[in-house]
């Protein structure tokens, strides 16, 4: 993920691409925004809107300062064959 300059509210819009290991998605690209429109980071709060090749993922989470880049939160997938909700994490590392 990349960042663009801060908005007047102090949020940073995020850009970048995602690669997924699951059966439902192959890749996605962030829709950049600033608070309150995803995709942004404000302090430790993260809100992402990720259009994929099989629906859109809305993710809201927290980036822990001691987590080394790990973001934990909740997600909702709509508009594809894998519509679902749940909790999960985003990691900068491959597992």
PDB file of N, CA and C in Angstrom:
ATOM      1  N   UNK A   1       0.840  -1.164   0.000  1.00  0.00           N
ATOM      2  CA  UNK A   1       0.000   0.000   0.000  1.00  0.00           C
ATOM      3  C   UNK A   1       0.885   1.226   0.000  1.00  0.00           C
ATOM      4  N   UNK A   2       0.423   2.262  -0.642  1.00  0.00           N
ATOM      5  CA  UNK A   2       1.119   3.530  -0.658  1.00  0.00           C
ATOM      6  C   UNK A   2       0.271   4.592   0.018  1.00  0.00           C
ATOM      7  N   UNK A   3       0.840   5.748   0.255  1.00  0.00           N
ATOM      8  CA  UNK A   3       0.116   6.851   0.862  1.00  0.00           C
ATOM      9  C   UNK A   3       0.242   8.073  -0.026  1.00  0.00           C
ATOM     10  N   UNK A   4      -0.763   8.946   0.008  1.00  0.00           N
ATOM     11  CA  UNK A   4      -0.687  10.256  -0.598  1.00  0.00           C
ATOM     12  C   UNK A   4      -0.716  11.265   0.532  1.00  0.00           C
ATOM     13  N   UNK A   5      -0.601  12.574   0.246  1.00  0.00           N
ATOM     14  CA  UNK A   5      -0.531  13.582   1.295  1.00  0.00           C
ATOM     15  C   UNK A   5      -1.751  13.607   2.199  1.00  0.00           C
ATOM     16  N   UNK A   6      -1.588  14.166   3.394  1.00  0.00           N
ATOM     17  CA  UNK A   6      -2.655  14.222   4.390  1.00  0.00           C
ATOM     18  C   UNK A   6      -3.736  15.209   3.978  1.00  0.00           C
ATOM     19  N   UNK A   7      -5.004  14.871   4.325  1.00  0.00           N
ATOM     20  CA  UNK A   7      -6.126  15.771   4.106  1.00  0.00           C
ATOM     21  C   UNK A   7      -6.175  16.789   5.240  1.00  0.00           C
ATOM     22  N   UNK A   8      -7.098  17.728   5.152  1.00  0.00           N
ATOM     23  CA  UNK A   8      -7.233  18.723   6.219  1.00  0.00           C
ATOM     24  C   UNK A   8      -7.661  18.090   7.538  1.00  0.00           C
ATOM     25  N   UNK A   9      -8.287  16.899   7.508  1.00  0.00           N
ATOM     26  CA  UNK A   9      -8.672  16.186   8.724  1.00  0.00           C
ATOM     27  C   UNK A   9      -7.518  15.380   9.304  1.00  0.00           C
ATOM     28  N   UNK A  10      -6.402  15.274   8.566  1.00  0.00           N
ATOM     29  CA  UNK A  10      -5.259  14.505   9.036  1.00  0.00           C
ATOM     30  C   UNK A  10      -5.257  13.064   8.586  1.00  0.00           C
ATOM     31  N   UNK A  11      -6.158  12.710   7.658  1.00  0.00           N
ATOM     32  CA  UNK A  11      -6.154  11.340   7.152  1.00  0.00           C
ATOM     33  C   UNK A  11      -5.271  11.261   5.915  1.00  0.00           C
ATOM     34  N   UNK A  12      -4.791  10.058   5.650  1.00  0.00           N
ATOM     35  CA  UNK A  12      -3.966   9.803   4.489  1.00  0.00           C
ATOM     36  C   UNK A  12      -4.708   8.851   3.571  1.00  0.00           C
ATOM     37  N   UNK A  13      -4.889   9.247   2.303  1.00  0.00           N
ATOM     38  CA  UNK A  13      -5.476   8.351   1.322  1.00  0.00           C
ATOM     39  C   UNK A  13      -4.486   7.249   0.990  1.00  0.00           C
ATOM     40  N   UNK A  14      -4.989   6.050   0.738  1.00  0.00           N
ATOM     41  CA  UNK A  14      -4.129   4.907   0.439  1.00  0.00           C
ATOM     42  C   UNK A  14      -4.343   4.446  -0.990  1.00  0.00           C
ATOM     43  N   UNK A  15      -3.263   4.042  -1.626  1.00  0.00           N
ATOM     44  CA  UNK A  15      -3.319   3.470  -2.965  1.00  0.00           C
ATOM     45  C   UNK A  15      -2.541   2.166  -2.948  1.00  0.00           C
ATOM     46  N   UNK A  16      -2.747   1.351  -3.940  1.00  0.00           N
ATOM     47  CA  UNK A  16      -1.967   0.132  -4.035  1.00  0.00           C
ATOM     48  C   UNK A  16      -2.804  -1.032  -4.518  1.00  0.00           C
ATOM     49  N   UNK A  17      -2.151  -2.169  -4.639  1.00  0.00           N
ATOM     50  CA  UNK A  17      -2.816  -3.382  -5.096  1.00  0.00           C
ATOM     51  C   UNK A  17      -2.713  -4.466  -4.038  1.00  0.00           C
ATOM     52  N   UNK A  18      -3.623  -5.426  -4.114  1.00  0.00           N
ATOM     53  CA  UNK A  18      -3.656  -6.565  -3.199  1.00  0.00           C
ATOM     54  C   UNK A  18      -3.569  -7.850  -3.994  1.00  0.00           C
ATOM     55  N   UNK A  19      -2.904  -8.828  -3.426  1.00  0.00           N
ATOM     56  CA  UNK A  19      -2.901 -10.185  -3.951  1.00  0.00           C
ATOM     57  C   UNK A  19      -3.484 -11.080  -2.879  1.00  0.00           C
ATOM     58  N   UNK A  20      -4.385 -11.980  -3.276  1.00  0.00           N
ATOM     59  CA  UNK A  20      -5.080 -12.843  -2.331  1.00  0.00           C
ATOM     60  C   UNK A  20      -4.683 -14.285  -2.563  1.00  0.00           C
ATOM     61  N   UNK A  21      -4.658 -15.071  -1.485  1.00  0.00           N
ATOM     62  CA  UNK A  21      -4.311 -16.482  -1.560  1.00  0.00           C
ATOM     63  C   UNK A  21      -5.531 -17.392  -1.603  1.00  0.00           C
ATOM     64  N   UNK A  22      -6.721 -16.843  -1.364  1.00  0.00           N
ATOM     65  CA  UNK A  22      -7.925 -17.665  -1.288  1.00  0.00           C
ATOM     66  C   UNK A  22      -8.493 -18.018  -2.654  1.00  0.00           C
ATOM     67  N   UNK A  23      -9.542 -18.817  -2.630  1.00  0.00           N
ATOM     68  CA  UNK A  23     -10.177 -19.284  -3.861  1.00  0.00           C
ATOM     69  C   UNK A  23     -11.092 -18.236  -4.490  1.00  0.00           C
ATOM     70  N   UNK A  24     -11.543 -17.246  -3.732  1.00  0.00           N
ATOM     71  CA  UNK A  24     -12.519 -16.286  -4.246  1.00  0.00           C
ATOM     72  C   UNK A  24     -11.917 -15.141  -5.049  1.00  0.00           C
ATOM     73  N   UNK A  25     -10.729 -14.688  -4.693  1.00  0.00           N
ATOM     74  CA  UNK A  25     -10.147 -13.499  -5.314  1.00  0.00           C
ATOM     75  C   UNK A  25      -8.732 -13.776  -5.775  1.00  0.00           C
ATOM     76  N   UNK A  26      -8.344 -13.109  -6.847  1.00  0.00           N
ATOM     77  CA  UNK A  26      -6.951 -13.151  -7.285  1.00  0.00           C
ATOM     78  C   UNK A  26      -6.231 -11.865  -6.914  1.00  0.00           C
ATOM     79  N   UNK A  27      -6.854 -10.730  -7.232  1.00  0.00           N
ATOM     80  CA  UNK A  27      -6.202  -9.456  -6.970  1.00  0.00           C
ATOM     81  C   UNK A  27      -7.245  -8.357  -6.851  1.00  0.00           C
ATOM     82  N   UNK A  28      -6.822  -7.225  -6.334  1.00  0.00           N
ATOM     83  CA  UNK A  28      -7.676  -6.059  -6.208  1.00  0.00           C
ATOM     84  C   UNK A  28      -6.830  -4.809  -6.138  1.00  0.00           C
ATOM     85  N   UNK A  29      -7.464  -3.676  -6.394  1.00  0.00           N
ATOM     86  CA  UNK A  29      -6.762  -2.399  -6.357  1.00  0.00           C
ATOM     87  C   UNK A  29      -7.564  -1.431  -5.502  1.00  0.00           C
ATOM     88  N   UNK A  30      -6.895  -0.783  -4.539  1.00  0.00           N
ATOM     89  CA  UNK A  30      -7.560   0.149  -3.640  1.00  0.00           C
ATOM     90  C   UNK A  30      -8.180   1.306  -4.403  1.00  0.00           C
ATOM     91  N   UNK A  31      -9.360   1.727  -3.937  1.00  0.00           N
ATOM     92  CA  UNK A  31      -9.969   2.960  -4.391  1.00  0.00           C
ATOM     93  C   UNK A  31      -9.544   4.030  -3.395  1.00  0.00           C
ATOM     94  N   UNK A  32      -8.650   4.970  -3.773  1.00  0.00           N
ATOM     95  CA  UNK A  32      -8.137   5.930  -2.794  1.00  0.00           C
ATOM     96  C   UNK A  32      -9.207   6.924  -2.366  1.00  0.00           C
ATOM     97  N   UNK A  33      -9.135   7.330  -1.108  1.00  0.00           N
ATOM     98  CA  UNK A  33     -10.038   8.324  -0.557  1.00  0.00           C
ATOM     99  C   UNK A  33      -9.415   8.958   0.669  1.00  0.00           C
ATOM    100  N   UNK A  34     -10.149   9.865   1.296  1.00  0.00           N
ATOM    101  CA  UNK A  34      -9.739  10.457   2.557  1.00  0.00           C
ATOM    102  C   UNK A  34     -10.938  10.429   3.491  1.00  0.00           C
ATOM    103  N   UNK A  35     -10.679  10.495   4.792  1.00  0.00           N
ATOM    104  CA  UNK A  35     -11.743  10.419   5.792  1.00  0.00           C
ATOM    105  C   UNK A  35     -12.896  11.327   5.411  1.00  0.00           C
ATOM    106  N   UNK A  36     -14.116  10.863   5.418  1.00  0.00           N
ATOM    107  CA  UNK A  36     -14.639   9.569   5.841  1.00  0.00           C
ATOM    108  C   UNK A  36     -14.834   8.575   4.699  1.00  0.00           C
ATOM    109  N   UNK A  37     -14.290   8.850   3.529  1.00  0.00           N
ATOM    110  CA  UNK A  37     -14.473   7.972   2.372  1.00  0.00           C
ATOM    111  C   UNK A  37     -13.280   7.042   2.225  1.00  0.00           C
ATOM    112  N   UNK A  38     -13.496   5.710   2.225  1.00  0.00           N
ATOM    113  CA  UNK A  38     -12.379   4.767   2.094  1.00  0.00           C
ATOM    114  C   UNK A  38     -11.644   4.993   0.785  1.00  0.00           C
ATOM    115  N   UNK A  39     -10.430   4.768   0.653  1.00  0.00           N
ATOM    116  CA  UNK A  39      -9.491   4.053   1.479  1.00  0.00           C
ATOM    117  C   UNK A  39      -8.548   5.050   2.160  1.00  0.00           C
ATOM    118  N   UNK A  40      -8.481   4.999   3.488  1.00  0.00           N
ATOM    119  CA  UNK A  40      -7.683   5.967   4.224  1.00  0.00           C
ATOM    120  C   UNK A  40      -7.139   5.343   5.496  1.00  0.00           C
ATOM    121  N   UNK A  41      -6.169   6.060   6.072  1.00  0.00           N
ATOM    122  CA  UNK A  41      -5.682   5.747   7.410  1.00  0.00           C
ATOM    123  C   UNK A  41      -5.693   7.052   8.191  1.00  0.00           C
ATOM    124  N   UNK A  42      -6.205   6.997   9.415  1.00  0.00           N
ATOM    125  CA  UNK A  42      -6.287   8.153  10.295  1.00  0.00           C
ATOM    126  C   UNK A  42      -5.859   7.680  11.669  1.00  0.00           C
ATOM    127  N   UNK A  43      -4.678   8.070  12.096  1.00  0.00           N
ATOM    128  CA  UNK A  43      -4.119   7.523  13.333  1.00  0.00           C
ATOM    129  C   UNK A  43      -3.878   6.038  13.137  1.00  0.00           C
ATOM    130  N   UNK A  44      -4.521   5.209  13.949  1.00  0.00           N
ATOM    131  CA  UNK A  44      -4.393   3.762  13.777  1.00  0.00           C
ATOM    132  C   UNK A  44      -5.620   3.160  13.086  1.00  0.00           C
ATOM    133  N   UNK A  45      -6.622   4.002  12.746  1.00  0.00           N
ATOM    134  CA  UNK A  45      -7.831   3.516  12.074  1.00  0.00           C
ATOM    135  C   UNK A  45      -7.597   3.412  10.574  1.00  0.00           C
ATOM    136  N   UNK A  46      -8.064   2.288  10.007  1.00  0.00           N
ATOM    137  CA  UNK A  46      -7.893   2.025   8.581  1.00  0.00           C
ATOM    138  C   UNK A  46      -9.246   1.652   7.996  1.00  0.00           C
ATOM    139  N   UNK A  47      -9.620   2.270   6.876  1.00  0.00           N
ATOM    140  CA  UNK A  47     -10.832   1.903   6.144  1.00  0.00           C
ATOM    141  C   UNK A  47     -10.435   1.706   4.685  1.00  0.00           C
ATOM    142  N   UNK A  48     -10.763   0.543   4.139  1.00  0.00           N
ATOM    143  CA  UNK A  48     -10.364   0.214   2.773  1.00  0.00           C
ATOM    144  C   UNK A  48     -11.574  -0.175   1.932  1.00  0.00           C
ATOM    145  N   UNK A  49     -11.553   0.196   0.666  1.00  0.00           N
ATOM    146  CA  UNK A  49     -12.512  -0.246  -0.334  1.00  0.00           C
ATOM    147  C   UNK A  49     -11.688  -0.886  -1.443  1.00  0.00           C
ATOM    148  N   UNK A  50     -11.840  -2.216  -1.611  1.00  0.00           N
ATOM    149  CA  UNK A  50     -10.983  -2.954  -2.529  1.00  0.00           C
ATOM    150  C   UNK A  50     -11.835  -3.656  -3.593  1.00  0.00           C
ATOM    151  N   UNK A  51     -12.014  -3.043  -4.765  1.00  0.00           N
ATOM    152  CA  UNK A  51     -12.676  -3.753  -5.853  1.00  0.00           C
ATOM    153  C   UNK A  51     -11.766  -4.896  -6.323  1.00  0.00           C
ATOM    154  N   UNK A  52     -12.333  -6.106  -6.451  1.00  0.00           N
ATOM    155  CA  UNK A  52     -11.558  -7.265  -6.878  1.00  0.00           C
ATOM    156  C   UNK A  52     -12.137  -7.822  -8.168  1.00  0.00           C
ATOM    157  N   UNK A  53     -11.560  -8.907  -8.626  1.00  0.00           N
ATOM    158  CA  UNK A  53     -12.055  -9.582  -9.815  1.00  0.00           C
ATOM    159  C   UNK A  53     -13.325 -10.384  -9.531  1.00  0.00           C
ATOM    160  N   UNK A  54     -13.812 -10.389  -8.253  1.00  0.00           N
ATOM    161  CA  UNK A  54     -15.014 -11.140  -7.897  1.00  0.00           C
ATOM    162  C   UNK A  54     -15.746 -10.462  -6.738  1.00  0.00           C
ATOM    163  N   UNK A  55     -16.076  -9.183  -6.894  1.00  0.00           N
ATOM    164  CA  UNK A  55     -16.779  -8.445  -5.854  1.00  0.00           C
ATOM    165  C   UNK A  55     -15.910  -7.375  -5.236  1.00  0.00           C
ATOM    166  N   UNK A  56     -16.480  -6.666  -4.267  1.00  0.00           N
ATOM    167  CA  UNK A  56     -15.792  -5.575  -3.589  1.00  0.00           C
ATOM    168  C   UNK A  56     -15.682  -5.888  -2.104  1.00  0.00           C
ATOM    169  N   UNK A  57     -14.507  -5.647  -1.544  1.00  0.00           N
ATOM    170  CA  UNK A  57     -14.261  -5.863  -0.126  1.00  0.00           C
ATOM    171  C   UNK A  57     -14.232  -4.515   0.569  1.00  0.00           C
ATOM    172  N   UNK A  58     -15.069  -4.356   1.593  1.00  0.00           N
ATOM    173  CA  UNK A  58     -15.014  -3.201   2.489  1.00  0.00           C
ATOM    174  C   UNK A  58     -14.381  -3.704   3.782  1.00  0.00           C
ATOM    175  N   UNK A  59     -13.282  -3.082   4.190  1.00  0.00           N
ATOM    176  CA  UNK A  59     -12.537  -3.517   5.373  1.00  0.00           C
ATOM    177  C   UNK A  59     -12.351  -2.330   6.294  1.00  0.00           C
ATOM    178  N   UNK A  60     -12.663  -2.507   7.588  1.00  0.00           N
ATOM    179  CA  UNK A  60     -12.456  -1.482   8.608  1.00  0.00           C
ATOM    180  C   UNK A  60     -11.648  -2.119   9.722  1.00  0.00           C
ATOM    181  N   UNK A  61     -10.517  -1.502  10.062  1.00  0.00           N
ATOM    182  CA  UNK A  61      -9.667  -2.120  11.067  1.00  0.00           C
ATOM    183  C   UNK A  61      -8.765  -1.148  11.774  1.00  0.00           C
ATOM    184  N   UNK A  62      -7.825  -1.727  12.520  1.00  0.00           N
ATOM    185  CA  UNK A  62      -6.876  -0.963  13.311  1.00  0.00           C
ATOM    186  C   UNK A  62      -5.471  -1.479  13.041  1.00  0.00           C
ATOM    187  N   UNK A  63      -4.566  -0.552  12.811  1.00  0.00           N
ATOM    188  CA  UNK A  63      -3.151  -0.878  12.646  1.00  0.00           C
ATOM    189  C   UNK A  63      -2.491  -0.719  14.008  1.00  0.00           C
ATOM    190  N   UNK A  64      -2.128  -1.828  14.618  1.00  0.00           N
ATOM    191  CA  UNK A  64      -1.500  -1.784  15.939  1.00  0.00           C
ATOM    192  C   UNK A  64      -0.077  -1.280  15.842  1.00  0.00           C
ATOM    193  N   UNK A  65       0.316  -0.355  16.707  1.00  0.00           N
ATOM    194  CA  UNK A  65       1.666   0.205  16.647  1.00  0.00           C
ATOM    195  C   UNK A  65       2.755  -0.828  16.894  1.00  0.00           C
ATOM    196  N   UNK A  66       2.441  -1.896  17.599  1.00  0.00           N
ATOM    197  CA  UNK A  66       3.435  -2.931  17.884  1.00  0.00           C
ATOM    198  C   UNK A  66       3.239  -4.177  17.031  1.00  0.00           C
ATOM    199  N   UNK A  67       2.430  -4.084  15.988  1.00  0.00           N
ATOM    200  CA  UNK A  67       2.088  -5.240  15.166  1.00  0.00           C
ATOM    201  C   UNK A  67       2.985  -5.396  13.938  1.00  0.00           C
ATOM    202  N   UNK A  68       3.891  -4.469  13.687  1.00  0.00           N
ATOM    203  CA  UNK A  68       4.795  -4.591  12.550  1.00  0.00           C
ATOM    204  C   UNK A  68       4.107  -4.526  11.200  1.00  0.00           C
ATOM    205  N   UNK A  69       3.034  -3.753  11.088  1.00  0.00           N
ATOM    206  CA  UNK A  69       2.344  -3.608   9.824  1.00  0.00           C
ATOM    207  C   UNK A  69       1.059  -4.405   9.719  1.00  0.00           C
ATOM    208  N   UNK A  70       0.757  -5.253  10.684  1.00  0.00           N
ATOM    209  CA  UNK A  70      -0.455  -6.058  10.666  1.00  0.00           C
ATOM    210  C   UNK A  70      -1.663  -5.181  10.973  1.00  0.00           C
ATOM    211  N   UNK A  71      -2.738  -5.326  10.182  1.00  0.00           N
ATOM    212  CA  UNK A  71      -3.979  -4.584  10.375  1.00  0.00           C
ATOM    213  C   UNK A  71      -5.081  -5.600  10.648  1.00  0.00           C
ATOM    214  N   UNK A  72      -5.775  -5.464  11.780  1.00  0.00           N
ATOM    215  CA  UNK A  72      -6.861  -6.382  12.157  1.00  0.00           C
ATOM    216  C   UNK A  72      -8.187  -5.645  12.063  1.00  0.00           C
ATOM    217  N   UNK A  73      -9.260  -6.354  11.628  1.00  0.00           N
ATOM    218  CA  UNK A  73     -10.555  -5.696  11.551  1.00  0.00           C
ATOM    219  C   UNK A  73     -11.656  -6.599  11.042  1.00  0.00           C
ATOM    220  N   UNK A  74     -12.715  -5.966  10.542  1.00  0.00           N
ATOM    221  CA  UNK A  74     -13.865  -6.676   9.996  1.00  0.00           C
ATOM    222  C   UNK A  74     -13.990  -6.367   8.510  1.00  0.00           C
ATOM    223  N   UNK A  75     -14.628  -7.287   7.776  1.00  0.00           N
ATOM    224  CA  UNK A  75     -14.795  -7.083   6.344  1.00  0.00           C
ATOM    225  C   UNK A  75     -16.184  -7.502   5.905  1.00  0.00           C
ATOM    226  N   UNK A  76     -16.598  -6.940   4.785  1.00  0.00           N
ATOM    227  CA  UNK A  76     -17.824  -7.322   4.105  1.00  0.00           C
ATOM    228  C   UNK A  76     -17.495  -7.433   2.629  1.00  0.00           C
ATOM    229  N   UNK A  77     -17.874  -8.538   2.001  1.00  0.00           N
ATOM    230  CA  UNK A  77     -17.660  -8.759   0.571  1.00  0.00           C
ATOM    231  C   UNK A  77     -19.021  -8.735  -0.108  1.00  0.00           C
ATOM    232  N   UNK A  78     -19.174  -7.908  -1.149  1.00  0.00           N
ATOM    233  CA  UNK A  78     -20.425  -7.820  -1.884  1.00  0.00           C
ATOM    234  C   UNK A  78     -20.166  -7.800  -3.384  1.00  0.00           C
ATOM    235  N   UNK A  79     -21.187  -8.191  -4.149  1.00  0.00           N
ATOM    236  CA  UNK A  79     -21.130  -8.064  -5.600  1.00  0.00           C
ATOM    237  C   UNK A  79     -20.415  -9.181  -6.325  1.00  0.00           C
ATOM    238  N   UNK A  80     -20.210 -10.325  -5.714  1.00  0.00           N
ATOM    239  CA  UNK A  80     -19.539 -11.450  -6.364  1.00  0.00           C
ATOM    240  C   UNK A  80     -20.105 -12.762  -5.874  1.00  0.00           C
ATOM    241  N   UNK A  81     -19.445 -13.840  -6.213  1.00  0.00           N
ATOM    242  CA  UNK A  81     -19.922 -15.162  -5.821  1.00  0.00           C
ATOM    243  C   UNK A  81     -19.488 -15.553  -4.409  1.00  0.00           C
ATOM    244  N   UNK A  82     -18.698 -14.716  -3.746  1.00  0.00           N
ATOM    245  CA  UNK A  82     -18.198 -15.037  -2.404  1.00  0.00           C
ATOM    246  C   UNK A  82     -18.657 -14.010  -1.373  1.00  0.00           C
ATOM    247  N   UNK A  83     -19.888 -13.476  -1.505  1.00  0.00           N
ATOM    248  CA  UNK A  83     -20.390 -12.496  -0.553  1.00  0.00           C
ATOM    249  C   UNK A  83     -20.323 -13.060   0.860  1.00  0.00           C
ATOM    250  N   UNK A  84     -19.753 -12.294   1.782  1.00  0.00           N
ATOM    251  CA  UNK A  84     -19.614 -12.757   3.153  1.00  0.00           C
ATOM    252  C   UNK A  84     -19.235 -11.593   4.054  1.00  0.00           C
ATOM    253  N   UNK A  85     -19.225 -11.854   5.366  1.00  0.00           N
ATOM    254  CA  UNK A  85     -18.730 -10.918   6.358  1.00  0.00           C
ATOM    255  C   UNK A  85     -17.899 -11.703   7.354  1.00  0.00           C
ATOM    256  N   UNK A  86     -17.046 -11.011   8.079  1.00  0.00           N
ATOM    257  CA  UNK A  86     -16.242 -11.698   9.078  1.00  0.00           C
ATOM    258  C   UNK A  86     -15.168 -10.810   9.651  1.00  0.00           C
ATOM    259  N   UNK A  87     -14.257 -11.424  10.367  1.00  0.00           N
ATOM    260  CA  UNK A  87     -13.102 -10.727  10.913  1.00  0.00           C
ATOM    261  C   UNK A  87     -11.858 -11.282  10.226  1.00  0.00           C
ATOM    262  N   UNK A  88     -10.837 -10.467  10.162  1.00  0.00           N
ATOM    263  CA  UNK A  88      -9.619 -10.921   9.513  1.00  0.00           C
ATOM    264  C   UNK A  88      -8.494  -9.939   9.709  1.00  0.00           C
ATOM    265  N   UNK A  89      -7.453 -10.147   8.963  1.00  0.00           N
ATOM    266  CA  UNK A  89      -6.292  -9.274   9.055  1.00  0.00           C
ATOM    267  C   UNK A  89      -5.676  -9.084   7.680  1.00  0.00           C
ATOM    268  N   UNK A  90      -4.947  -8.004   7.545  1.00  0.00           N
ATOM    269  CA  UNK A  90      -4.146  -7.710   6.365  1.00  0.00           C
ATOM    270  C   UNK A  90      -2.700  -7.712   6.807  1.00  0.00           C
ATOM    271  N   UNK A  91      -1.856  -8.351   6.053  1.00  0.00           N
ATOM    272  CA  UNK A  91      -0.465  -8.487   6.421  1.00  0.00           C
ATOM    273  C   UNK A  91       0.444  -8.077   5.268  1.00  0.00           C
ATOM    274  N   UNK A  92       1.535  -7.388   5.575  1.00  0.00           N
ATOM    275  CA  UNK A  92       2.505  -7.056   4.524  1.00  0.00           C
ATOM    276  C   UNK A  92       3.414  -8.230   4.197  1.00  0.00           C
ATOM    277  N   UNK A  93       3.282  -9.350   4.941  1.00  0.00           N
ATOM    278  CA  UNK A  93       4.144 -10.496   4.726  1.00  0.00           C
ATOM    279  C   UNK A  93       3.374 -11.624   4.077  1.00  0.00           C
ATOM    280  N   UNK A  94       4.060 -12.520   3.417  1.00  0.00           N
ATOM    281  CA  UNK A  94       3.452 -13.722   2.879  1.00  0.00           C
ATOM    282  C   UNK A  94       3.547 -14.821   3.919  1.00  0.00           C
ATOM    283  N   UNK A  95       2.515 -15.617   4.031  1.00  0.00           N
ATOM    284  CA  UNK A  95       2.506 -16.746   4.955  1.00  0.00           C
ATOM    285  C   UNK A  95       2.480 -18.032   4.176  1.00  0.00           C
TER     286      UNK A  95
END
